[in-house]
Amino acid sequence: MARVIEAVAPARLGPGFRHLVASAWVSNLGDGIALAAGPLLVASQTRSPALVSMAMLLVGLPWLLFGLLAGAVADRVDRLRMVVVANLLRAVVLALLCATIVTGVVDIALVLGAMFLLGTAEVFADTAYRTFLPMLVRKSDLGIANARLQVGFILLNQFAGAPLGAALFAVGMAVPFGAQIVCGLLGVVLATRIALPPGPVRGEVDTHVLRDIGEGLRWMLGHPPVRTLALVIVTFNITWAAAWSVLVLYSLDVLDMGPIGYGLLTTASAAGGLVAAFLYGPLERRVSMATLMRTCLGLEVLMHLAFALTRVPWVALLIMFGFGVYALFWGTLSQAIRQRAVPLEFQGRVGSVYSVAIYGGTVIGSGLGGLIAQHGGVLAPFWFAFVGSGVTLALVWRQLGHIAHADDGGSGVQRSVGPAG
């Protein structure tokens, strides 16, 4: 067991990181349960495609509405307290939802309202959560720390959570949401064990929250590497989402894999991410950040092309496995680079801009993918993704070297919170 713990959360990263990993992993399990149970609950109340899609929209919409606000709040309040309060509010909403299910008064309006409230609480909780890591580990360890956090997301959210949520829903409609409450509350308890300095990182502030948001945006726009990284993320999310929005049709109509085959595609991607999480550390030590970034983005361009060309299911599964590897590496790299470059007092605001960019790019790309497929066929979005991502990579190829070294090169924790290991 000691070896497993050391492999997942190396002792040099400190006890605070281990508590963060435990809290995040338990929360990931709860979110994974909801990933399956939420849509099943919606489908139990309506068969309207418009209302079903509305449910998914209401989960992501709060990021676009409140993401920047959450970032500003995270930089002006006690971040740990913000996580605790937001997750307790999520538990209250889930408890009320369970009560409506048990009493039989649940309807689609209540379910949609609950999803919006849960999504809103998640925005504030996750925004604050993501500021913890630079306060706990050295800059040089941010890459491996982010990769280890991703292990829990892949294992518990993608692999275990969804099938468990579906199984619990079969037992009783309220059961998976009760399990999510338990996971959320346990995650809160573990989070309170993280040794963070009390109080806001900026001290007492008397500025308006809109001014704080503006300061965060100006800081990012005035920092060329961080700004360019944000533009790359937006553009690549648009091209990725355009292709992935029709992945299920690609699986059914082009590969002729059936529903089970579509599930295998998503599983192959998750498996690739899991493998990559344990390869990241050795590669980061041997390969420069700029080379890793260029390789990752280059592989995404080529994998879009491979999807557009192949008609063979097993080849598509290999590509999806590779895509999972790439996604873990790129997500870890971009997150670590941003966390190293951004001052601690701006982590919430700049991080929230990235989150809004990710969700905004996904929304735009999904809409474009549907329109392109409607007029050009199922393969057209993959060609669009190949050309769009390829042109973007060519334009930023040289800048990637500057982005990789966006920080000051220091190896210390951004704020002293005790030894990191």
Protein backbone atom coordinates (compact mmCIF):
# COMPACT_ATOMS: atom_id res chain seq x y z
CA MET A 1 0.00 0.00 0.00
CA ALA A 2 2.84 2.38 0.85
CA ARG A 3 4.27 1.90 -2.64
CA VAL A 4 0.91 2.67 -4.23
CA ILE A 5 0.52 5.85 -2.18
CA GLU A 6 4.06 6.91 -3.04
CA ALA A 7 3.44 6.28 -6.75
CA VAL A 8 0.21 8.29 -6.74
CA ALA A 9 1.25 11.07 -4.35
CA PRO A 10 5.03 11.20 -3.85
CA ALA A 11 6.06 12.18 -0.34
CA ARG A 12 8.18 15.04 -1.67
CA LEU A 13 4.95 16.83 -2.67
CA GLY A 14 3.97 17.07 0.99
CA PRO A 15 1.00 15.98 3.14
CA GLY A 16 -1.14 18.87 1.88
CA PHE A 17 -0.97 17.47 -1.63
CA ARG A 18 -1.98 14.01 -0.41
CA HIS A 19 -5.06 15.46 1.28
CA LEU A 20 -5.84 17.40 -1.91
CA VAL A 21 -5.56 14.21 -3.98
CA ALA A 22 -7.82 12.31 -1.58
CA SER A 23 -10.41 15.09 -1.60
CA ALA A 24 -10.33 15.46 -5.38
CA TRP A 25 -10.55 11.72 -6.00
CA VAL A 26 -13.56 11.25 -3.72
CA SER A 27 -15.26 14.23 -5.37
CA ASN A 28 -14.45 12.78 -8.80
CA LEU A 29 -16.27 9.59 -7.87
CA GLY A 30 -19.36 11.56 -6.89
CA ASP A 31 -19.24 13.60 -10.10
CA GLY A 32 -18.81 10.42 -12.12
CA ILE A 33 -21.89 8.92 -10.49
CA ALA A 34 -23.85 12.03 -11.46
CA LEU A 35 -22.46 11.83 -15.01
CA ALA A 36 -24.68 8.80 -15.64
CA ALA A 37 -27.46 9.37 -13.12
CA GLY A 38 -28.20 12.94 -14.21
CA PRO A 39 -29.10 12.16 -17.83
CA LEU A 40 -31.02 9.07 -16.70
CA LEU A 41 -33.10 11.19 -14.34
CA VAL A 42 -33.82 13.69 -17.12
CA ALA A 43 -34.82 10.87 -19.47
CA SER A 44 -37.15 9.46 -16.80
CA GLN A 45 -39.05 12.77 -16.81
CA THR A 46 -39.13 13.58 -20.53
CA ARG A 47 -38.39 12.15 -23.95
CA SER A 48 -38.12 15.59 -25.54
CA PRO A 49 -34.75 15.93 -27.33
CA ALA A 50 -34.85 19.67 -26.72
CA LEU A 51 -35.26 19.26 -22.94
CA VAL A 52 -32.64 16.51 -22.78
CA SER A 53 -30.11 18.73 -24.56
CA MET A 54 -31.20 21.64 -22.36
CA ALA A 55 -30.10 19.65 -19.32
CA MET A 56 -26.57 19.36 -20.68
CA LEU A 57 -26.55 23.05 -21.56
CA LEU A 58 -27.60 24.04 -18.04
CA VAL A 59 -24.67 22.12 -16.55
CA GLY A 60 -22.11 24.04 -18.63
CA LEU A 61 -23.89 27.40 -18.90
CA PRO A 62 -22.88 28.57 -15.39
CA TRP A 63 -19.23 28.54 -16.44
CA LEU A 64 -19.99 31.12 -19.10
CA LEU A 65 -22.24 33.16 -16.80
CA PHE A 66 -20.31 33.06 -13.54
CA GLY A 67 -16.80 31.82 -14.38
CA LEU A 68 -15.11 35.24 -14.29
CA LEU A 69 -17.03 36.20 -11.15
CA ALA A 70 -15.94 32.99 -9.42
CA GLY A 71 -12.31 33.71 -10.27
CA ALA A 72 -12.52 37.20 -8.79
CA VAL A 73 -14.19 35.86 -5.64
CA ALA A 74 -11.51 33.17 -5.25
CA ASP A 75 -8.83 35.89 -5.23
CA ARG A 76 -10.54 37.97 -2.53
CA VAL A 77 -11.83 35.41 0.00
CA ASP A 78 -10.50 32.44 1.93
CA ARG A 79 -10.24 29.86 -0.87
CA LEU A 80 -10.63 26.83 1.37
CA ARG A 81 -13.76 28.29 2.91
CA MET A 82 -15.09 29.01 -0.59
CA VAL A 83 -14.66 25.35 -1.53
CA VAL A 84 -16.37 24.18 1.66
CA VAL A 85 -19.34 26.55 1.32
CA ALA A 86 -19.87 25.82 -2.38
CA ASN A 87 -19.79 22.05 -1.84
CA LEU A 88 -22.13 22.27 1.14
CA LEU A 89 -24.57 24.20 -1.02
CA ARG A 90 -24.28 21.44 -3.65
CA ALA A 91 -25.16 18.90 -0.95
CA VAL A 92 -28.23 20.93 0.05
CA VAL A 93 -29.46 21.09 -3.56
CA LEU A 94 -28.88 17.35 -3.99
CA ALA A 95 -30.73 16.61 -0.73
CA LEU A 96 -33.71 18.65 -1.91
CA LEU A 97 -33.63 16.85 -5.26
CA CYS A 98 -33.61 13.49 -3.47
CA ALA A 99 -36.58 14.61 -1.37
CA THR A 100 -38.60 15.48 -4.48
CA ILE A 101 -37.77 12.08 -6.00
CA VAL A 102 -38.69 10.13 -2.88
CA THR A 103 -41.95 12.03 -2.41
CA GLY A 104 -42.87 11.71 -6.07
CA VAL A 105 -43.20 15.44 -6.76
CA VAL A 106 -40.16 15.60 -9.02
CA ASP A 107 -40.72 16.91 -12.54
CA ILE A 108 -38.54 18.07 -15.41
CA ALA A 109 -38.65 21.72 -14.33
CA LEU A 110 -37.30 20.82 -10.88
CA VAL A 111 -34.61 18.60 -12.38
CA LEU A 112 -33.45 21.29 -14.81
CA GLY A 113 -33.44 23.90 -12.05
CA ALA A 114 -31.38 21.61 -9.82
CA MET A 115 -28.86 21.00 -12.59
CA PHE A 116 -28.37 24.71 -13.09
CA LEU A 117 -27.86 25.28 -9.35
CA LEU A 118 -25.46 22.34 -9.10
CA GLY A 119 -23.52 23.63 -12.09
CA THR A 120 -23.31 27.08 -10.52
CA ALA A 121 -22.00 25.73 -7.21
CA GLU A 122 -19.50 23.61 -9.13
CA VAL A 123 -18.13 26.72 -10.87
CA PHE A 124 -17.26 28.36 -7.54
CA ALA A 125 -15.97 25.15 -5.92
CA ASP A 126 -13.77 24.09 -8.84
CA THR A 127 -12.41 27.59 -9.43
CA ALA A 128 -11.17 27.77 -5.85
CA TYR A 129 -9.95 24.15 -5.87
CA ARG A 130 -7.70 24.84 -8.86
CA THR A 131 -5.84 27.55 -6.99
CA PHE A 132 -4.69 25.16 -4.25
CA LEU A 133 -1.92 23.38 -6.12
CA PRO A 134 0.49 26.35 -6.60
CA MET A 135 0.13 27.00 -2.86
CA LEU A 136 1.13 23.44 -1.94
CA VAL A 137 3.91 22.26 -4.25
CA ARG A 138 7.04 23.71 -5.83
CA LYS A 139 6.82 25.11 -9.34
CA SER A 140 9.05 22.33 -10.62
CA ASP A 141 6.56 19.75 -9.30
CA LEU A 142 3.37 21.28 -10.74
CA GLY A 143 3.47 19.06 -13.82
CA ILE A 144 3.64 15.75 -11.97
CA ALA A 145 1.13 16.99 -9.38
CA ASN A 146 -1.42 17.87 -12.07
CA ALA A 147 -0.86 14.51 -13.75
CA ARG A 148 -1.55 12.66 -10.50
CA LEU A 149 -4.77 14.58 -9.96
CA GLN A 150 -5.84 13.47 -13.44
CA VAL A 151 -5.43 9.81 -12.46
CA GLY A 152 -8.36 10.13 -10.08
CA PHE A 153 -10.47 11.89 -12.68
CA ILE A 154 -9.86 9.14 -15.23
CA LEU A 155 -10.23 6.19 -12.86
CA LEU A 156 -13.13 7.38 -10.73
CA ASN A 157 -15.00 9.83 -12.95
CA GLN A 158 -14.67 8.17 -16.34
CA PHE A 159 -14.13 4.47 -15.54
CA ALA A 160 -15.87 3.78 -12.23
CA GLY A 161 -18.31 6.61 -11.60
CA ALA A 162 -20.52 6.40 -14.67
CA PRO A 163 -21.29 2.65 -14.54
CA LEU A 164 -21.74 2.87 -10.76
CA GLY A 165 -24.15 5.76 -11.20
CA ALA A 166 -26.19 3.80 -13.73
CA ALA A 167 -26.27 0.76 -11.44
CA LEU A 168 -27.37 2.82 -8.43
CA PHE A 169 -30.06 4.50 -10.51
CA ALA A 170 -31.44 1.05 -11.32
CA VAL A 171 -31.72 0.41 -7.57
CA GLY A 172 -33.63 3.64 -6.99
CA MET A 173 -33.74 7.03 -8.68
CA ALA A 174 -32.64 8.90 -5.55
CA VAL A 175 -29.86 6.47 -4.59
CA PRO A 176 -27.06 7.81 -6.86
CA PHE A 177 -27.70 11.37 -5.74
CA GLY A 178 -27.53 10.27 -2.12
CA ALA A 179 -24.19 8.63 -2.92
CA GLN A 180 -23.04 11.87 -4.53
CA ILE A 181 -23.91 13.74 -1.32
CA VAL A 182 -21.79 11.31 0.71
CA CYS A 183 -18.84 11.67 -1.68
CA GLY A 184 -19.16 15.45 -1.67
CA LEU A 185 -19.26 15.73 2.10
CA LEU A 186 -16.31 13.35 2.49
CA GLY A 187 -14.42 15.46 -0.05
CA VAL A 188 -15.14 18.55 2.06
CA VAL A 189 -13.86 16.86 5.22
CA LEU A 190 -10.64 15.85 3.46
CA ALA A 191 -10.25 19.35 2.00
CA THR A 192 -10.35 20.87 5.47
CA ARG A 193 -7.24 18.81 6.31
CA ILE A 194 -5.22 20.73 3.71
CA ALA A 195 -2.86 23.11 5.49
CA LEU A 196 -3.41 26.42 3.71
CA PRO A 197 -2.78 29.88 5.16
CA PRO A 198 -6.06 31.24 6.59
CA GLY A 199 -7.74 34.25 5.04
CA PRO A 200 -7.68 35.78 1.54
CA VAL A 201 -4.42 35.64 -0.40
CA ARG A 202 -4.72 39.37 -1.19
CA GLY A 203 -5.55 40.41 2.34
CA GLU A 204 -8.45 42.79 2.84
CA VAL A 205 -9.56 44.44 -0.42
CA ASP A 206 -12.02 47.26 -0.96
CA THR A 207 -12.18 47.23 -4.76
CA HIS A 208 -15.33 46.34 -6.71
CA VAL A 209 -15.48 42.79 -7.99
CA LEU A 210 -15.84 44.05 -11.59
CA ARG A 211 -12.61 45.96 -11.18
CA ASP A 212 -10.96 42.78 -9.93
CA ILE A 213 -12.17 40.92 -13.03
CA GLY A 214 -10.79 43.71 -15.21
CA GLU A 215 -7.41 43.52 -13.46
CA GLY A 216 -7.25 39.80 -14.10
CA LEU A 217 -8.07 40.24 -17.78
CA ARG A 218 -5.51 43.05 -18.13
CA TRP A 219 -2.83 40.95 -16.46
CA MET A 220 -3.43 38.08 -18.86
CA LEU A 221 -3.62 40.31 -21.95
CA GLY A 222 -0.40 42.01 -20.88
CA HIS A 223 1.46 38.70 -20.51
CA PRO A 224 2.16 37.50 -24.10
CA PRO A 225 2.93 33.81 -23.34
CA VAL A 226 -0.13 33.35 -21.08
CA ARG A 227 -2.29 35.27 -23.56
CA THR A 228 -1.12 33.16 -26.49
CA LEU A 229 -1.66 29.96 -24.53
CA ALA A 230 -5.26 31.02 -23.89
CA LEU A 231 -5.80 31.68 -27.61
CA VAL A 232 -4.34 28.27 -28.47
CA ILE A 233 -6.67 26.60 -25.98
CA VAL A 234 -9.73 28.40 -27.37
CA THR A 235 -8.89 27.56 -30.98
CA PHE A 236 -7.98 23.93 -30.37
CA ASN A 237 -11.12 23.48 -28.25
CA ILE A 238 -13.25 24.80 -31.10
CA THR A 239 -11.71 22.39 -33.62
CA TRP A 240 -11.77 19.47 -31.15
CA ALA A 241 -15.41 20.04 -30.18
CA ALA A 242 -16.46 20.35 -33.82
CA ALA A 243 -15.23 16.82 -34.47
CA TRP A 244 -16.26 15.31 -31.13
CA SER A 245 -19.80 16.67 -31.41
CA VAL A 246 -20.47 14.07 -34.13
CA LEU A 247 -18.28 11.28 -32.71
CA VAL A 248 -21.29 9.10 -31.94
CA LEU A 249 -22.49 9.42 -35.56
CA TYR A 250 -18.96 8.74 -36.80
CA SER A 251 -18.92 5.56 -34.71
CA LEU A 252 -22.35 4.39 -35.87
CA ASP A 253 -22.42 5.46 -39.52
CA VAL A 254 -18.77 5.50 -40.63
CA LEU A 255 -17.20 2.77 -38.52
CA ASP A 256 -20.42 0.76 -38.12
CA MET A 257 -19.43 -0.12 -34.53
CA GLY A 258 -22.85 0.13 -32.91
CA PRO A 259 -23.60 1.54 -29.44
CA ILE A 260 -21.13 -0.80 -27.71
CA GLY A 261 -18.42 0.28 -30.12
CA TYR A 262 -19.04 3.91 -29.28
CA GLY A 263 -18.56 3.05 -25.62
CA LEU A 264 -15.30 1.31 -26.50
CA LEU A 265 -14.05 4.44 -28.22
CA THR A 266 -14.55 6.55 -25.10
CA THR A 267 -13.04 3.80 -22.95
CA ALA A 268 -9.96 3.64 -25.20
CA SER A 269 -9.46 7.37 -24.72
CA ALA A 270 -9.71 7.05 -20.94
CA ALA A 271 -7.24 4.14 -20.99
CA GLY A 272 -4.77 6.25 -22.93
CA GLY A 273 -5.08 9.04 -20.39
CA LEU A 274 -4.46 6.63 -17.52
CA VAL A 275 -1.27 5.32 -19.12
CA ALA A 276 -0.11 8.87 -19.88
CA ALA A 277 -0.58 9.96 -16.26
CA PHE A 278 2.26 7.66 -15.19
CA LEU A 279 4.43 8.40 -18.22
CA TYR A 280 4.29 12.15 -17.74
CA GLY A 281 6.86 12.39 -14.94
CA PRO A 282 9.69 10.51 -16.72
CA LEU A 283 9.09 12.36 -19.99
CA GLU A 284 8.97 15.77 -18.33
CA ARG A 285 12.40 15.08 -16.84
CA ARG A 286 13.91 14.06 -20.20
CA VAL A 287 12.15 16.24 -22.79
CA SER A 288 11.87 20.02 -22.87
CA MET A 289 8.48 21.61 -22.26
CA ALA A 290 8.52 23.29 -25.68
CA THR A 291 9.16 19.96 -27.42
CA LEU A 292 6.38 18.28 -25.45
CA MET A 293 3.94 21.06 -26.35
CA ARG A 294 4.79 20.95 -30.05
CA THR A 295 4.59 17.16 -30.09
CA CYS A 296 1.22 17.13 -28.32
CA LEU A 297 -0.40 19.69 -30.59
CA GLY A 298 1.14 18.11 -33.67
CA LEU A 299 -0.31 14.75 -32.70
CA GLU A 300 -3.77 16.26 -32.29
CA VAL A 301 -3.59 17.67 -35.82
CA LEU A 302 -2.52 14.29 -37.22
CA MET A 303 -5.15 12.38 -35.25
CA HIS A 304 -7.94 14.54 -36.70
CA LEU A 305 -6.58 13.63 -40.14
CA ALA A 306 -6.40 9.94 -39.20
CA PHE A 307 -10.04 9.97 -38.09
CA ALA A 308 -11.07 11.59 -41.36
CA LEU A 309 -9.26 8.91 -43.38
CA THR A 310 -9.90 5.65 -41.51
CA ARG A 311 -12.91 3.39 -41.85
CA VAL A 312 -11.44 0.56 -39.74
CA PRO A 313 -12.77 0.19 -36.16
CA TRP A 314 -9.57 -1.15 -34.58
CA VAL A 315 -7.56 1.69 -36.12
CA ALA A 316 -10.04 4.18 -34.69
CA LEU A 317 -9.64 2.57 -31.26
CA LEU A 318 -5.87 2.99 -31.47
CA ILE A 319 -6.32 6.62 -32.46
CA MET A 320 -8.65 7.18 -29.52
CA PHE A 321 -6.10 5.62 -27.18
CA GLY A 322 -3.51 8.00 -28.58
CA PHE A 323 -5.90 10.89 -28.18
CA GLY A 324 -6.30 10.02 -24.52
CA VAL A 325 -2.52 10.08 -24.11
CA TYR A 326 -2.29 13.44 -25.86
CA ALA A 327 -5.18 14.98 -23.90
CA LEU A 328 -3.63 14.07 -20.54
CA PHE A 329 -0.22 15.41 -21.55
CA TRP A 330 -1.56 18.64 -23.05
CA GLY A 331 -3.97 19.30 -20.18
CA THR A 332 -1.20 18.74 -17.64
CA LEU A 333 1.33 20.84 -19.54
CA SER A 334 -0.95 23.81 -20.15
CA GLN A 335 -2.20 23.78 -16.57
CA ALA A 336 1.30 23.58 -15.09
CA ILE A 337 2.67 26.31 -17.36
CA ARG A 338 -0.16 28.67 -16.41
CA GLN A 339 0.15 27.93 -12.71
CA ARG A 340 3.91 28.56 -12.81
CA ALA A 341 3.56 31.88 -14.63
CA VAL A 342 0.59 33.45 -12.85
CA PRO A 343 1.14 35.20 -9.49
CA LEU A 344 -0.73 33.61 -6.61
CA GLU A 345 -3.06 36.59 -6.15
CA PHE A 346 -4.20 36.27 -9.80
CA GLN A 347 -4.59 32.47 -9.91
CA GLY A 348 -8.37 32.55 -9.47
CA ARG A 349 -9.04 35.27 -12.04
CA VAL A 350 -6.66 34.08 -14.75
CA GLY A 351 -7.65 30.45 -14.16
CA SER A 352 -11.30 31.36 -14.57
CA VAL A 353 -10.54 33.04 -17.92
CA TYR A 354 -9.08 29.74 -19.08
CA SER A 355 -12.14 27.83 -17.86
CA VAL A 356 -14.47 30.21 -19.67
CA ALA A 357 -12.30 29.85 -22.78
CA ILE A 358 -12.51 26.07 -22.59
CA TYR A 359 -16.29 25.99 -22.20
CA GLY A 360 -16.80 28.80 -24.70
CA GLY A 361 -14.66 27.07 -27.29
CA THR A 362 -16.50 23.81 -26.69
CA VAL A 363 -19.90 25.46 -27.16
CA ILE A 364 -18.80 27.24 -30.35
CA GLY A 365 -17.11 24.13 -31.73
CA SER A 366 -20.10 21.89 -31.01
CA GLY A 367 -22.39 24.27 -32.86
CA LEU A 368 -20.02 24.51 -35.80
CA GLY A 369 -19.58 20.74 -35.92
CA GLY A 370 -23.31 20.18 -36.20
CA LEU A 371 -23.67 22.75 -38.98
CA ILE A 372 -20.66 21.44 -40.90
CA ALA A 373 -21.87 17.82 -40.62
CA GLN A 374 -25.37 18.82 -41.67
CA HIS A 375 -24.09 20.28 -44.93
CA GLY A 376 -20.89 18.34 -45.57
CA GLY A 377 -21.43 14.93 -43.98
CA VAL A 378 -20.16 13.27 -40.82
CA LEU A 379 -16.51 13.34 -41.89
CA ALA A 380 -16.51 17.07 -42.69
CA PRO A 381 -16.01 18.21 -39.05
CA PHE A 382 -12.87 16.05 -38.82
CA TRP A 383 -11.44 17.71 -41.93
CA PHE A 384 -12.36 21.08 -40.44
CA ALA A 385 -10.58 20.12 -37.22
CA PHE A 386 -7.50 18.96 -39.12
CA VAL A 387 -7.18 22.15 -41.17
CA GLY A 388 -8.12 24.53 -38.33
CA SER A 389 -5.78 23.01 -35.76
CA GLY A 390 -2.99 22.66 -38.35
CA VAL A 391 -3.16 26.32 -39.34
CA THR A 392 -3.24 27.36 -35.66
CA LEU A 393 -0.21 25.23 -34.85
CA ALA A 394 1.73 26.69 -37.77
CA LEU A 395 0.97 30.22 -36.59
CA VAL A 396 2.05 29.62 -32.96
CA TRP A 397 4.89 27.14 -33.57
CA ARG A 398 7.66 29.58 -32.67
CA GLN A 399 5.73 31.14 -29.78
CA LEU A 400 5.40 27.76 -28.09
CA GLY A 401 9.02 28.02 -26.96
CA HIS A 402 8.25 31.28 -25.17
CA ILE A 403 5.05 29.86 -23.68
CA ALA A 404 6.93 26.87 -22.25
CA HIS A 405 9.16 29.27 -20.30
CA ALA A 406 6.47 31.73 -19.29
CA ASP A 407 7.41 31.54 -15.60
CA ASP A 408 10.45 33.07 -13.93
CA GLY A 409 12.19 29.71 -13.75
CA GLY A 410 11.92 29.45 -9.98
CA SER A 411 11.33 26.17 -8.24
CA GLY A 412 9.82 27.38 -4.99
CA VAL A 413 6.24 27.31 -3.82
CA GLN A 414 4.55 30.57 -4.80
CA ARG A 415 3.63 31.28 -1.23
CA SER A 416 5.20 29.78 1.84
CA VAL A 417 2.92 27.20 3.41
CA GLY A 418 5.54 24.99 4.98
CA PRO A 419 7.85 22.40 3.47
CA ALA A 420 6.76 20.71 0.24
CA GLY A 421 8.39 17.44 1.00
